[in-house]
């Protein structure tokens, strides 16, 4: 299994198309974005090259390749306004394994380690993330990697006919 990471600096139409597919996949939507209600859960959006360029203004993004096939992305941003614990020098992270063939193979764990190293190289020493309470596989991954729960935000996202909490976790590196 050959896993590689490539920093996204110049988005292409192919990358934008892949992001559009992932962000509109009904199996992924509940796990990758907060949805305040059913309407938001059912909403679809197109990710363009310009949208990705706008994200790059505030995010460091890395594409994940498995055997030279784009299968996901990892990213971080520094000190976003939605941090639970407002501690300067904090990296907020996100991991998305968009292709089903890449799930359940430990790629998320490898990607998390890679992202931690990139963050350390920027002299940041704290990472924070949010994970929806129903995403038990991700919670286990983060706990295994040393993340600790620091709080919960009630009624954060809608899925399966009800509202769920967002669990906020941190790790000092």
Protein backbone atom coordinates (compact mmCIF):
# COMPACT_ATOMS: atom_id res chain seq x y z
CA UNK A 1 0.00 0.00 0.00
CA UNK A 2 1.63 3.21 -1.24
CA UNK A 3 0.17 6.28 0.48
CA UNK A 4 1.43 9.72 -0.52
CA UNK A 5 0.50 13.28 0.41
CA UNK A 6 0.77 16.24 -1.93
CA UNK A 7 0.29 19.81 -0.83
CA UNK A 8 -2.49 21.48 -2.76
CA UNK A 9 -1.22 24.79 -4.11
CA UNK A 10 -2.86 25.08 -7.54
CA UNK A 11 -6.30 23.43 -7.72
CA UNK A 12 -7.26 21.74 -10.97
CA UNK A 13 -10.62 20.91 -12.52
CA UNK A 14 -10.04 17.22 -11.71
CA UNK A 15 -9.42 17.97 -8.03
CA UNK A 16 -12.47 20.26 -7.89
CA UNK A 17 -14.61 17.53 -9.47
CA UNK A 18 -13.40 15.00 -6.90
CA UNK A 19 -14.16 17.39 -4.01
CA UNK A 20 -17.62 18.03 -5.48
CA UNK A 21 -18.27 14.27 -5.60
CA UNK A 22 -17.10 13.72 -2.02
CA UNK A 23 -18.94 16.70 -0.57
CA UNK A 24 -22.18 15.60 -2.23
CA UNK A 25 -21.92 11.89 -1.37
CA UNK A 26 -24.98 11.05 0.78
CA UNK A 27 -22.88 8.51 2.72
CA UNK A 28 -20.28 11.18 3.61
CA UNK A 29 -22.35 14.34 4.12
CA UNK A 30 -23.44 13.55 7.70
CA UNK A 31 -19.80 13.01 8.72
CA UNK A 32 -18.05 15.91 6.98
CA UNK A 33 -20.17 19.00 7.58
CA UNK A 34 -22.55 20.28 10.23
CA UNK A 35 -26.16 20.35 9.10
CA UNK A 36 -28.53 22.43 11.22
CA UNK A 37 -31.61 20.76 9.69
CA UNK A 38 -32.85 18.31 7.03
CA UNK A 39 -32.72 20.99 4.33
CA UNK A 40 -29.01 21.53 4.94
CA UNK A 41 -28.42 17.76 5.04
CA UNK A 42 -30.11 17.42 1.65
CA UNK A 43 -28.37 20.44 0.09
CA UNK A 44 -25.75 19.88 -2.59
CA UNK A 45 -23.01 22.23 -3.76
CA UNK A 46 -20.47 22.46 -6.52
CA UNK A 47 -16.83 22.87 -5.55
CA UNK A 48 -15.03 24.91 -8.20
CA UNK A 49 -11.39 25.79 -8.67
CA UNK A 50 -12.22 29.26 -7.29
CA UNK A 51 -13.85 27.74 -4.18
CA UNK A 52 -10.69 25.71 -3.57
CA UNK A 53 -8.52 28.79 -4.10
CA UNK A 54 -10.60 30.63 -1.49
CA UNK A 55 -10.11 27.73 0.95
CA UNK A 56 -6.37 27.87 0.37
CA UNK A 57 -6.34 31.46 1.66
CA UNK A 58 -6.90 30.09 5.19
CA UNK A 59 -6.23 26.34 4.96
CA UNK A 60 -3.14 24.24 4.39
CA UNK A 61 -4.49 21.38 2.28
CA UNK A 62 -2.88 18.07 1.33
CA UNK A 63 -4.26 15.52 -1.10
CA UNK A 64 -4.06 11.85 -0.13
CA UNK A 65 -3.09 9.37 -2.83
CA UNK A 66 -3.32 5.60 -2.54
CA UNK A 67 -1.35 3.83 -5.25
CA UNK A 68 -1.40 7.10 -7.27
CA UNK A 69 -5.19 7.46 -7.00
CA UNK A 70 -6.62 10.52 -5.23
CA UNK A 71 -8.62 9.13 -2.30
CA UNK A 72 -8.94 11.96 0.22
CA UNK A 73 -7.64 15.14 1.75
CA UNK A 74 -6.34 16.48 5.03
CA UNK A 75 -6.12 20.08 6.08
CA UNK A 76 -5.50 22.49 8.88
CA UNK A 77 -5.98 26.13 9.62
CA UNK A 78 -4.54 28.22 12.42
CA UNK A 79 -6.70 29.84 15.10
CA UNK A 80 -10.11 29.78 13.37
CA UNK A 81 -12.90 31.64 15.17
CA UNK A 82 -14.78 28.42 16.03
CA UNK A 83 -12.13 26.94 18.32
CA UNK A 84 -13.69 25.64 21.53
CA UNK A 85 -10.60 26.59 23.53
CA UNK A 86 -9.29 29.92 22.26
CA UNK A 87 -5.60 29.20 22.67
CA UNK A 88 -3.35 31.08 20.19
CA UNK A 89 -1.22 28.90 17.96
CA UNK A 90 -3.81 26.14 17.58
CA UNK A 91 -4.25 24.11 14.42
CA UNK A 92 -7.81 23.04 13.61
CA UNK A 93 -7.72 19.87 11.51
CA UNK A 94 -9.93 17.96 9.12
CA UNK A 95 -9.55 14.54 7.52
CA UNK A 96 -11.65 13.19 4.67
CA UNK A 97 -11.20 9.77 3.13
CA UNK A 98 -13.51 10.34 0.18
CA UNK A 99 -13.08 7.12 -1.76
CA UNK A 100 -14.71 4.04 -0.26
CA UNK A 101 -11.85 1.79 -1.46
CA UNK A 102 -9.50 3.67 0.88
CA UNK A 103 -11.60 3.39 4.04
CA UNK A 104 -10.84 0.90 6.76
CA UNK A 105 -7.20 0.50 5.71
CA UNK A 106 -5.52 2.71 8.30
CA UNK A 107 -5.12 5.62 5.89
CA UNK A 108 -6.87 7.99 8.30
CA UNK A 109 -4.39 7.09 11.02
CA UNK A 110 -1.43 7.59 8.67
CA UNK A 111 -2.89 10.88 7.46
CA UNK A 112 -3.30 12.09 11.03
CA UNK A 113 0.37 11.36 11.78
CA UNK A 114 1.43 13.15 8.60
CA UNK A 115 -0.70 16.17 9.46
CA UNK A 116 0.68 16.31 13.02
CA UNK A 117 4.22 16.41 11.62
CA UNK A 118 3.33 19.21 9.19
CA UNK A 119 1.79 21.18 12.05
CA UNK A 120 4.87 20.65 14.25
CA UNK A 121 7.06 22.01 11.44
CA UNK A 122 5.04 25.24 11.66
CA UNK A 123 5.94 25.50 15.36
CA UNK A 124 2.34 24.95 16.43
CA UNK A 125 1.95 22.83 19.56
CA UNK A 126 -1.78 22.32 19.91
CA UNK A 127 -4.36 20.66 17.68
CA UNK A 128 -8.12 20.88 18.08
CA UNK A 129 -10.87 19.14 16.15
CA UNK A 130 -14.58 18.52 16.20
CA UNK A 131 -16.21 15.15 15.61
CA UNK A 132 -19.91 14.37 15.62
CA UNK A 133 -20.92 12.05 18.45
CA UNK A 134 -22.25 9.37 16.08
CA UNK A 135 -18.89 9.08 14.28
CA UNK A 136 -17.59 6.42 16.65
CA UNK A 137 -14.84 5.18 14.32
CA UNK A 138 -13.30 8.65 14.13
CA UNK A 139 -13.63 9.13 17.89
CA UNK A 140 -11.73 5.88 18.48
CA UNK A 141 -9.03 6.94 16.00
CA UNK A 142 -8.54 10.29 17.72
CA UNK A 143 -8.49 8.76 21.20
CA UNK A 144 -5.94 6.17 20.08
CA UNK A 145 -3.82 9.03 18.70
CA UNK A 146 -3.84 10.79 22.08
CA UNK A 147 -6.64 13.32 21.66
CA UNK A 148 -8.65 14.21 24.77
CA UNK A 149 -12.22 15.46 24.91
CA UNK A 150 -12.43 19.09 26.04
CA UNK A 151 -16.11 19.82 25.54
CA UNK A 152 -19.34 19.21 23.68
CA UNK A 153 -21.61 21.49 21.73
CA UNK A 154 -25.23 20.31 21.95
CA UNK A 155 -27.66 20.28 19.02
CA UNK A 156 -24.86 20.86 16.55
CA UNK A 157 -25.82 18.74 13.53
CA UNK A 158 -28.93 17.03 12.17
CA UNK A 159 -28.88 13.37 11.10
CA UNK A 160 -31.28 10.43 11.24
CA UNK A 161 -34.15 12.66 12.32
CA UNK A 162 -32.51 14.26 15.34
CA UNK A 163 -29.85 16.67 16.52
CA UNK A 164 -26.43 15.43 17.66
CA UNK A 165 -23.56 16.89 19.66
CA UNK A 166 -20.19 17.96 18.36
CA UNK A 167 -17.39 16.59 20.51
CA UNK A 168 -14.35 18.85 20.68
CA UNK A 169 -10.98 17.22 21.23
CA UNK A 170 -7.42 18.49 21.65
CA UNK A 171 -3.88 17.23 21.64
CA UNK A 172 -0.64 18.95 22.54
CA UNK A 173 2.22 17.95 20.27
